[in-house]
Amino acid sequence: MIPYGRHSIDQDDIDAVVQSLRSDWLTQGPALRRFEIDLSLRTDAKFAVACNSGTAALHMAYSAAGVGPENTVIVPANTFLATANAAIYLGAEVRFCDVDADTGLMTAEALGATLDDSVRAVVPVHFAGQPCDMASIAQVIQERSPDAVLIEDACHAIGGVYEDGSPVGKPRYASMAAFSFHPVKHIAAGEGGAVTTNCPKLKERLEAFRNHGMTKDSKQLRRRNEGPWYYEMHAPGFNYRIPETACALAASQLAKLDRFIARRREIAGRYLSELADISHLTLPPKSHLNTSAWHLFCVHIDYQQLGFSRTDVMAALQRNEIGTQVHYFPVALQPYYVDQYGHDETQFPGALAHYDRALSIPLFAAMTDTEVQQVISAVKEVMASAARRSLQVA
């Protein structure tokens, strides 16, 4: 079975982890510092603060931005649960912004309709690795809610680039960007995450929140003469520390990111070329080929016109040893948020139109050319078979 996503671990990754196990540190040691420096250099950010998951990264970033009770955080309706849930953890309200039905991305136009003075943070998501139009989003925030903090959910997008060619995660428009290093992402840490920023104050807040809210910074201590063992907590934090083994693996993987991204784009290019012009199948925009990090290759299928349900298509592909996944059922329509805010399906037509057609087919750096061809052949055959069957029924 070819899964929709999979990590790529080589001997050098294993060696890096073994070396960290043989060191004097298992957490908060030199592997962490090395990875944070490497990540900041890769994203052209002054600082990177690593943690144990992408969810933790979002939670840290929201807290550093001052999100709390009586605040509102705007997130897109098309995203993973964590983008919204991290605001709930801090007692804030979540407001969902509809997305473009074709790309699944937050747009400046839709965002503008949701902004008001209660908004503390806006969190666009670079869904599937496609960078949002950050310049337009930043402009509408500046015009309508200038006190709101812009935070990028870049958990799908390390290795992607903005329209100007700068790397995703560079704090040009946003104050912070959050990343995930889950095994199906571009680089794996086992579990891991990070936040990039250019602001020293935000870095301090991120580091404290990651470590129970503790600080030993002499500039922040209220009791300054206690000794080197002394620390203070000025606000509660969490244990979001990331192990040395995870940092060693992530640093080894990060060194190969350019190769991973090049391979993902090569596969995406083949899909865009060889799956074009199939009835009832719409592909991601070709214009994103060299900017997206291609975490996902999410196609749209008009199941109603095809006369074949999504479950049927997924089952047919599985019989051909092709794994697929659906990204995402709109978070705003999850039972918790429906119960909390009274949402209904008429409020997010873009997110629903995306969800109703979405299907992610396999895309990961370790795919062989034979596997890529197997996916292409299976998709063509399943779509053609469904179309023939639909005609026979008609």
Protein backbone atom coordinates (compact mmCIF):
# COMPACT_ATOMS: atom_id res chain seq x y z
CA MET A 1 0.00 0.00 0.00
CA ILE A 2 1.28 3.45 -0.93
CA PRO A 3 0.18 5.82 1.88
CA TYR A 4 -0.84 9.41 1.24
CA GLY A 5 2.20 10.54 3.26
CA ARG A 6 5.25 8.99 4.88
CA HIS A 7 8.51 10.03 6.48
CA SER A 8 11.91 9.37 4.88
CA ILE A 9 14.57 8.13 7.31
CA ASP A 10 18.13 7.39 6.14
CA GLN A 11 21.15 6.00 7.94
CA ASP A 12 22.50 9.48 8.64
CA ASP A 13 19.27 10.30 10.52
CA ILE A 14 19.68 7.14 12.59
CA ASP A 15 23.32 7.98 13.28
CA ALA A 16 22.35 11.47 14.45
CA VAL A 17 19.83 10.06 16.91
CA VAL A 18 22.30 7.46 18.20
CA GLN A 19 24.92 10.16 18.70
CA SER A 20 22.46 12.22 20.74
CA LEU A 21 21.65 9.18 22.89
CA ARG A 22 25.34 8.77 23.63
CA SER A 23 25.74 12.40 24.67
CA ASP A 24 25.35 13.84 28.16
CA TRP A 25 21.98 15.36 27.29
CA LEU A 26 18.55 13.87 26.62
CA THR A 27 16.67 17.18 26.72
CA GLN A 28 17.41 20.92 26.53
CA GLY A 29 20.97 20.38 25.33
CA PRO A 30 23.19 21.12 22.33
CA ALA A 31 20.99 19.30 19.80
CA LEU A 32 18.14 21.68 20.63
CA ARG A 33 20.37 24.73 20.21
CA ARG A 34 21.78 23.44 16.94
CA PHE A 35 18.33 22.72 15.51
CA GLU A 36 16.98 26.12 16.53
CA ILE A 37 19.93 27.88 14.88
CA ASP A 38 19.64 25.78 11.73
CA LEU A 39 15.89 26.42 11.51
CA SER A 40 16.28 30.17 12.01
CA LEU A 41 18.86 30.25 9.22
CA ARG A 42 16.66 28.15 6.93
CA THR A 43 13.66 30.43 7.42
CA ASP A 44 15.63 33.69 7.47
CA ALA A 45 14.31 34.43 10.96
CA LYS A 46 16.30 35.83 13.87
CA PHE A 47 14.98 33.25 16.30
CA ALA A 48 13.44 29.78 16.33
CA VAL A 49 12.01 28.19 19.46
CA ALA A 50 11.48 24.43 19.16
CA CYS A 51 8.86 22.44 21.06
CA ASN A 52 7.28 19.00 21.12
CA SER A 53 4.50 19.41 18.51
CA GLY A 54 2.90 21.75 16.01
CA THR A 55 -0.04 22.10 18.41
CA ALA A 56 2.34 23.24 21.14
CA ALA A 57 3.89 25.69 18.68
CA LEU A 58 0.49 27.27 18.00
CA HIS A 59 -0.37 27.38 21.71
CA MET A 60 2.98 29.02 22.48
CA ALA A 61 2.58 31.57 19.70
CA TYR A 62 -0.94 32.55 20.75
CA SER A 63 0.15 32.95 24.35
CA ALA A 64 3.17 35.03 23.34
CA ALA A 65 0.82 37.26 21.32
CA GLY A 66 -1.22 37.95 24.45
CA VAL A 67 -4.27 35.90 23.50
CA GLY A 68 -6.58 35.31 26.45
CA PRO A 69 -10.14 35.65 27.72
CA GLU A 70 -12.20 38.35 26.02
CA ASN A 71 -9.95 38.08 22.93
CA THR A 72 -10.90 36.66 19.56
CA VAL A 73 -8.65 34.62 17.27
CA ILE A 74 -9.58 34.31 13.59
CA VAL A 75 -8.69 31.03 11.87
CA PRO A 76 -9.79 29.53 8.55
CA ALA A 77 -12.66 27.05 8.51
CA ASN A 78 -10.44 24.67 6.50
CA THR A 79 -7.65 23.52 8.79
CA PHE A 80 -6.69 20.89 11.35
CA LEU A 81 -8.33 21.08 14.79
CA ALA A 82 -5.23 22.44 16.52
CA THR A 83 -5.33 25.84 14.79
CA ALA A 84 -8.62 26.62 16.51
CA ASN A 85 -8.21 24.57 19.68
CA ALA A 86 -5.02 26.36 20.73
CA ALA A 87 -7.06 29.54 21.16
CA ILE A 88 -9.65 27.72 23.28
CA TYR A 89 -6.85 26.51 25.59
CA LEU A 90 -6.20 30.18 26.45
CA GLY A 91 -9.85 31.04 27.08
CA ALA A 92 -10.25 33.02 23.87
CA GLU A 93 -13.11 32.99 21.38
CA VAL A 94 -12.56 31.50 17.93
CA ARG A 95 -13.99 33.16 14.85
CA PHE A 96 -13.89 31.18 11.63
CA CYS A 97 -13.13 32.75 8.26
CA ASP A 98 -14.35 31.07 5.10
CA VAL A 99 -11.79 29.99 2.48
CA ASP A 100 -11.42 29.93 -1.26
CA ALA A 101 -13.30 26.86 -2.50
CA ASP A 102 -10.57 25.93 -4.98
CA THR A 103 -7.39 26.42 -2.92
CA GLY A 104 -8.73 25.97 0.61
CA LEU A 105 -6.86 29.14 1.65
CA MET A 106 -7.95 32.15 3.69
CA THR A 107 -8.29 35.22 1.49
CA ALA A 108 -7.94 38.88 2.38
CA GLU A 109 -11.47 39.55 1.14
CA ALA A 110 -13.07 36.93 3.40
CA LEU A 111 -10.88 37.99 6.32
CA GLY A 112 -11.92 41.62 5.97
CA ALA A 113 -15.54 40.68 6.60
CA THR A 114 -14.66 39.06 9.96
CA LEU A 115 -12.36 41.68 11.54
CA ASP A 116 -13.30 43.94 14.44
CA ASP A 117 -11.71 45.46 17.55
CA SER A 118 -12.06 42.27 19.60
CA VAL A 119 -9.61 40.39 17.36
CA ARG A 120 -6.26 39.75 19.02
CA ALA A 121 -4.76 37.37 16.46
CA VAL A 122 -5.31 36.32 12.85
CA VAL A 123 -3.95 32.93 11.83
CA PRO A 124 -3.88 32.11 8.10
CA VAL A 125 -3.01 28.49 7.31
CA HIS A 126 -0.76 27.57 4.39
CA PHE A 127 -2.98 24.62 3.57
CA ALA A 128 -1.29 21.70 1.75
CA GLY A 129 1.91 23.76 1.58
CA GLN A 130 0.44 26.59 -0.53
CA PRO A 131 1.44 29.96 0.92
CA CYS A 132 -1.43 32.36 1.51
CA ASP A 133 -1.29 35.85 0.02
CA MET A 134 0.35 37.27 3.13
CA ALA A 135 0.84 40.77 1.73
CA SER A 136 -2.89 41.21 1.11
CA ILE A 137 -3.83 39.63 4.43
CA ALA A 138 -1.40 41.89 6.31
CA GLN A 139 -2.75 44.94 4.50
CA VAL A 140 -6.39 44.27 5.38
CA ILE A 141 -5.42 43.72 9.02
CA GLN A 142 -3.52 47.00 9.07
CA GLU A 143 -6.51 48.81 7.58
CA ARG A 144 -9.28 47.28 9.70
CA SER A 145 -7.76 45.86 12.89
CA PRO A 146 -4.23 47.23 13.29
CA ASP A 147 -3.83 45.91 16.85
CA ALA A 148 -4.31 42.29 15.76
CA VAL A 149 -1.21 40.08 15.70
CA LEU A 150 -0.62 38.11 12.50
CA ILE A 151 0.57 34.53 13.12
CA GLU A 152 1.16 32.02 10.33
CA ASP A 153 0.16 28.40 10.72
CA ALA A 154 2.95 27.05 8.53
CA CYS A 155 2.67 23.46 9.76
CA HIS A 156 2.18 22.31 6.14
CA ALA A 157 4.63 24.64 4.55
CA ILE A 158 8.28 24.47 5.60
CA GLY A 159 10.33 24.72 2.42
CA GLY A 160 7.68 26.72 0.61
CA VAL A 161 8.29 30.26 -0.61
CA TYR A 162 6.21 33.41 -0.78
CA GLU A 163 5.56 35.20 -4.07
CA ASP A 164 8.74 37.25 -3.63
CA GLY A 165 10.82 34.07 -3.26
CA SER A 166 11.55 34.44 0.45
CA PRO A 167 11.12 31.33 2.63
CA VAL A 168 7.91 30.56 4.47
CA GLY A 169 8.55 31.31 8.13
CA LYS A 170 10.46 34.51 7.48
CA PRO A 171 8.74 37.04 9.77
CA ARG A 172 8.13 39.63 7.08
CA TYR A 173 4.37 40.13 7.36
CA ALA A 174 3.63 38.01 10.43
CA SER A 175 5.04 38.32 13.94
CA MET A 176 5.44 34.55 14.23
CA ALA A 177 5.13 31.36 12.20
CA ALA A 178 4.37 27.92 13.66
CA PHE A 179 5.73 24.67 12.20
CA SER A 180 5.10 20.95 12.71
CA PHE A 181 7.58 18.09 12.38
CA HIS A 182 5.10 15.21 12.54
CA PRO A 183 6.19 12.11 10.57
CA VAL A 184 4.00 12.89 7.53
CA LYS A 185 5.39 16.42 7.28
CA HIS A 186 8.42 17.47 5.23
CA ILE A 187 10.93 16.84 7.98
CA ALA A 188 10.30 14.44 10.83
CA ALA A 189 11.21 14.74 14.48
CA GLY A 190 8.94 11.89 15.56
CA GLU A 191 6.82 14.60 17.11
CA GLY A 192 7.97 18.19 17.15
CA GLY A 193 7.25 21.79 16.33
CA ALA A 194 8.74 25.27 16.39
CA VAL A 195 7.93 28.96 16.21
CA THR A 196 10.02 31.49 14.27
CA THR A 197 10.10 35.20 15.04
CA ASN A 198 12.28 38.29 14.74
CA CYS A 199 11.18 39.76 18.07
CA PRO A 200 13.41 39.21 21.15
CA LYS A 201 10.49 39.78 23.51
CA LEU A 202 8.35 37.18 21.75
CA LYS A 203 11.29 34.76 21.86
CA GLU A 204 11.52 35.20 25.63
CA ARG A 205 7.80 34.55 26.04
CA LEU A 206 7.92 31.48 23.80
CA GLU A 207 10.86 29.99 25.71
CA ALA A 208 9.22 30.62 29.08
CA PHE A 209 5.88 29.17 28.01
CA ARG A 210 7.66 26.06 26.70
CA ASN A 211 9.24 25.50 30.13
CA HIS A 212 6.45 25.92 32.72
CA GLY A 213 6.71 29.72 32.57
CA MET A 214 10.13 29.57 34.22
CA THR A 215 12.86 32.13 33.64
CA LYS A 216 16.38 32.64 34.97
CA ASP A 217 16.96 35.81 32.95
CA SER A 218 18.52 38.29 35.38
CA LYS A 219 16.75 41.16 33.63
CA GLN A 220 13.36 39.65 34.48
CA LEU A 221 14.00 38.39 38.02
CA ARG A 222 12.37 40.26 40.90
CA ARG A 223 14.79 38.73 43.42
CA ARG A 224 18.21 39.21 41.88
CA ASN A 225 20.61 37.98 44.53
CA GLU A 226 19.42 34.45 45.21
CA GLY A 227 22.05 32.52 43.29
CA PRO A 228 22.49 30.53 40.06
CA TRP A 229 19.90 27.92 41.05
CA TYR A 230 17.08 30.46 41.30
CA TYR A 231 14.23 30.84 38.83
CA GLU A 232 10.90 32.64 38.77
CA MET A 233 7.52 32.07 37.17
CA HIS A 234 5.70 35.24 36.18
CA ALA A 235 2.91 33.44 34.34
CA PRO A 236 2.04 29.73 34.07
CA GLY A 237 3.42 27.79 31.13
CA PHE A 238 3.50 24.18 29.99
CA ASN A 239 6.04 21.42 29.61
CA TYR A 240 6.45 21.67 25.84
CA ARG A 241 10.14 20.76 25.83
CA ILE A 242 11.38 18.65 22.92
CA PRO A 243 13.87 15.78 23.52
CA GLU A 244 17.41 15.90 22.19
CA THR A 245 16.79 12.79 20.09
CA ALA A 246 13.92 14.54 18.29
CA CYS A 247 16.07 17.62 17.70
CA ALA A 248 18.93 15.53 16.37
CA LEU A 249 16.59 13.80 13.93
CA ALA A 250 14.94 17.08 12.90
CA ALA A 251 18.31 18.78 12.29
CA SER A 252 19.48 15.86 10.16
CA GLN A 253 16.23 16.00 8.19
CA LEU A 254 16.36 19.79 7.84
CA ALA A 255 19.72 19.49 6.09
CA LYS A 256 17.92 17.50 3.38
CA LEU A 257 14.89 19.79 3.08
CA ASP A 258 15.87 21.23 -0.31
CA ARG A 259 16.13 17.72 -1.74
CA PHE A 260 12.83 16.71 -0.18
CA ILE A 261 11.06 19.77 -1.59
CA ALA A 262 12.59 19.29 -5.03
CA ARG A 263 11.32 15.70 -5.10
CA ARG A 264 7.85 16.71 -3.94
CA ARG A 265 7.68 19.33 -6.68
CA GLU A 266 8.88 16.82 -9.24
CA ILE A 267 6.08 14.45 -8.25
CA ALA A 268 3.52 17.27 -8.18
CA GLY A 269 4.66 18.32 -11.65
CA ARG A 270 4.05 14.82 -12.96
CA TYR A 271 0.60 14.73 -11.42
CA LEU A 272 -0.25 18.15 -12.84
CA SER A 273 0.86 17.01 -16.29
CA GLU A 274 -0.39 13.43 -16.43
CA LEU A 275 -3.67 13.81 -14.55
CA ALA A 276 -4.79 16.86 -16.51
CA ASP A 277 -7.98 16.82 -18.59
CA ILE A 278 -9.67 13.97 -16.70
CA SER A 279 -13.41 14.51 -16.52
CA HIS A 280 -14.76 15.49 -13.10
CA LEU A 281 -11.20 15.85 -11.70
CA THR A 282 -9.71 19.24 -10.84
CA LEU A 283 -6.05 19.62 -9.88
CA PRO A 284 -4.32 22.19 -7.64
CA PRO A 285 -3.25 25.40 -9.41
CA LYS A 286 -0.19 24.98 -11.65
CA SER A 287 0.89 28.45 -10.55
CA HIS A 288 1.73 26.98 -7.12
CA LEU A 289 4.18 24.40 -8.47
CA ASN A 290 7.34 26.27 -7.48
CA THR A 291 6.02 28.08 -4.41
CA SER A 292 4.10 25.36 -2.56
CA ALA A 293 5.92 22.99 -0.24
CA TRP A 294 3.49 20.27 -1.44
CA HIS A 295 2.73 18.71 1.91
CA LEU A 296 -0.43 17.41 0.26
CA PHE A 297 -1.59 16.87 -3.31
CA CYS A 298 -5.28 17.56 -2.81
CA VAL A 299 -7.44 16.99 -5.90
CA HIS A 300 -11.09 17.92 -6.28
CA ILE A 301 -13.54 15.39 -7.66
CA ASP A 302 -17.13 16.18 -8.64
CA TYR A 303 -18.52 13.01 -7.11
CA GLN A 304 -22.10 13.91 -7.93
CA GLN A 305 -21.41 14.30 -11.64
CA LEU A 306 -19.12 11.28 -11.58
CA GLY A 307 -21.91 9.17 -10.10
CA PHE A 308 -19.45 7.58 -7.69
CA SER A 309 -19.19 8.51 -4.01
CA ARG A 310 -15.93 9.53 -2.35
CA THR A 311 -16.06 6.34 -0.28
CA ASP A 312 -16.35 4.33 -3.49
CA VAL A 313 -13.41 6.17 -5.10
CA MET A 314 -11.23 5.69 -2.02
CA ALA A 315 -12.13 2.00 -1.83
CA ALA A 316 -11.36 1.51 -5.53
CA LEU A 317 -7.97 3.19 -5.12
CA GLN A 318 -7.26 1.09 -2.03
CA ARG A 319 -7.88 -2.05 -4.07
CA ASN A 320 -5.11 -0.74 -6.31
CA GLU A 321 -2.84 -0.33 -3.24
CA ILE A 322 -3.24 3.46 -3.20
CA GLY A 323 -3.92 5.12 0.15
CA THR A 324 -5.83 8.40 0.29
CA GLN A 325 -7.07 10.86 2.92
CA VAL A 326 -9.49 13.78 3.21
CA HIS A 327 -8.28 17.22 4.37
CA TYR A 328 -10.44 18.62 6.04
CA PHE A 329 -14.00 18.53 7.30
CA PRO A 330 -14.55 22.21 8.24
CA VAL A 331 -13.48 22.75 11.84
CA ALA A 332 -16.27 25.29 12.30
CA LEU A 333 -18.79 22.47 11.77
CA GLN A 334 -17.25 20.11 14.31
CA PRO A 335 -19.81 19.38 17.06
CA TYR A 336 -17.91 21.34 19.72
CA TYR A 337 -17.87 24.53 17.65
CA VAL A 338 -21.45 24.07 16.45
CA ASP A 339 -22.55 23.73 20.08
CA GLN A 340 -20.37 26.68 21.12
CA TYR A 341 -21.29 29.14 18.38
CA GLY A 342 -24.39 27.80 16.64
CA HIS A 343 -22.74 27.46 13.24
CA ASP A 344 -24.61 25.98 10.31
CA GLU A 345 -23.52 24.84 6.86
CA THR A 346 -24.68 28.01 5.12
CA GLN A 347 -21.98 30.09 6.82
CA PHE A 348 -18.91 28.50 5.20
CA PRO A 349 -19.74 27.79 1.55
CA GLY A 350 -16.10 27.90 0.44
CA ALA A 351 -14.88 25.44 3.08
CA LEU A 352 -17.79 23.08 2.41
CA ALA A 353 -17.32 23.23 -1.36
CA HIS A 354 -13.66 22.37 -0.83
CA TYR A 355 -14.44 19.54 1.59
CA ASP A 356 -17.19 18.03 -0.56
CA ARG A 357 -14.71 17.51 -3.41
CA ALA A 358 -11.37 17.02 -1.62
CA LEU A 359 -9.20 13.91 -1.82
CA SER A 360 -5.47 13.79 -1.02
CA ILE A 361 -3.49 11.29 -3.09
CA PRO A 362 0.01 10.05 -2.18
CA LEU A 363 2.83 12.58 -2.19
CA PHE A 364 6.05 12.23 -0.18
CA ALA A 365 9.73 12.60 -0.91
CA ALA A 366 10.53 8.89 -0.63
CA MET A 367 8.10 7.90 -3.40
CA THR A 368 9.78 6.02 -6.23
CA ASP A 369 9.07 6.73 -9.88
CA THR A 370 7.34 3.34 -10.04
CA GLU A 371 5.05 4.31 -7.16
CA VAL A 372 4.27 7.67 -8.77
CA GLN A 373 3.32 5.91 -11.99
CA GLN A 374 1.22 3.43 -10.01
CA VAL A 375 -0.75 6.30 -8.49
CA ILE A 376 -1.23 8.00 -11.86
CA SER A 377 -2.39 4.79 -13.53
CA ALA A 378 -4.75 3.93 -10.67
CA VAL A 379 -6.35 7.39 -10.59
CA LYS A 380 -6.87 7.31 -14.35
CA GLU A 381 -8.35 3.81 -14.24
CA VAL A 382 -10.64 4.48 -11.27
CA MET A 383 -11.96 7.72 -12.77
CA ALA A 384 -12.49 6.10 -16.16
CA SER A 385 -14.18 3.06 -14.63
CA ALA A 386 -16.49 5.25 -12.55
CA ALA A 387 -17.40 7.30 -15.62
CA ARG A 388 -18.16 4.14 -17.65
CA ARG A 389 -20.29 2.74 -14.87
CA SER A 390 -22.16 6.01 -14.54
CA LEU A 391 -22.96 5.97 -18.25
CA GLN A 392 -24.21 2.39 -18.03
CA VAL A 393 -26.51 3.26 -15.15
CA ALA A 394 -27.82 6.29 -17.03
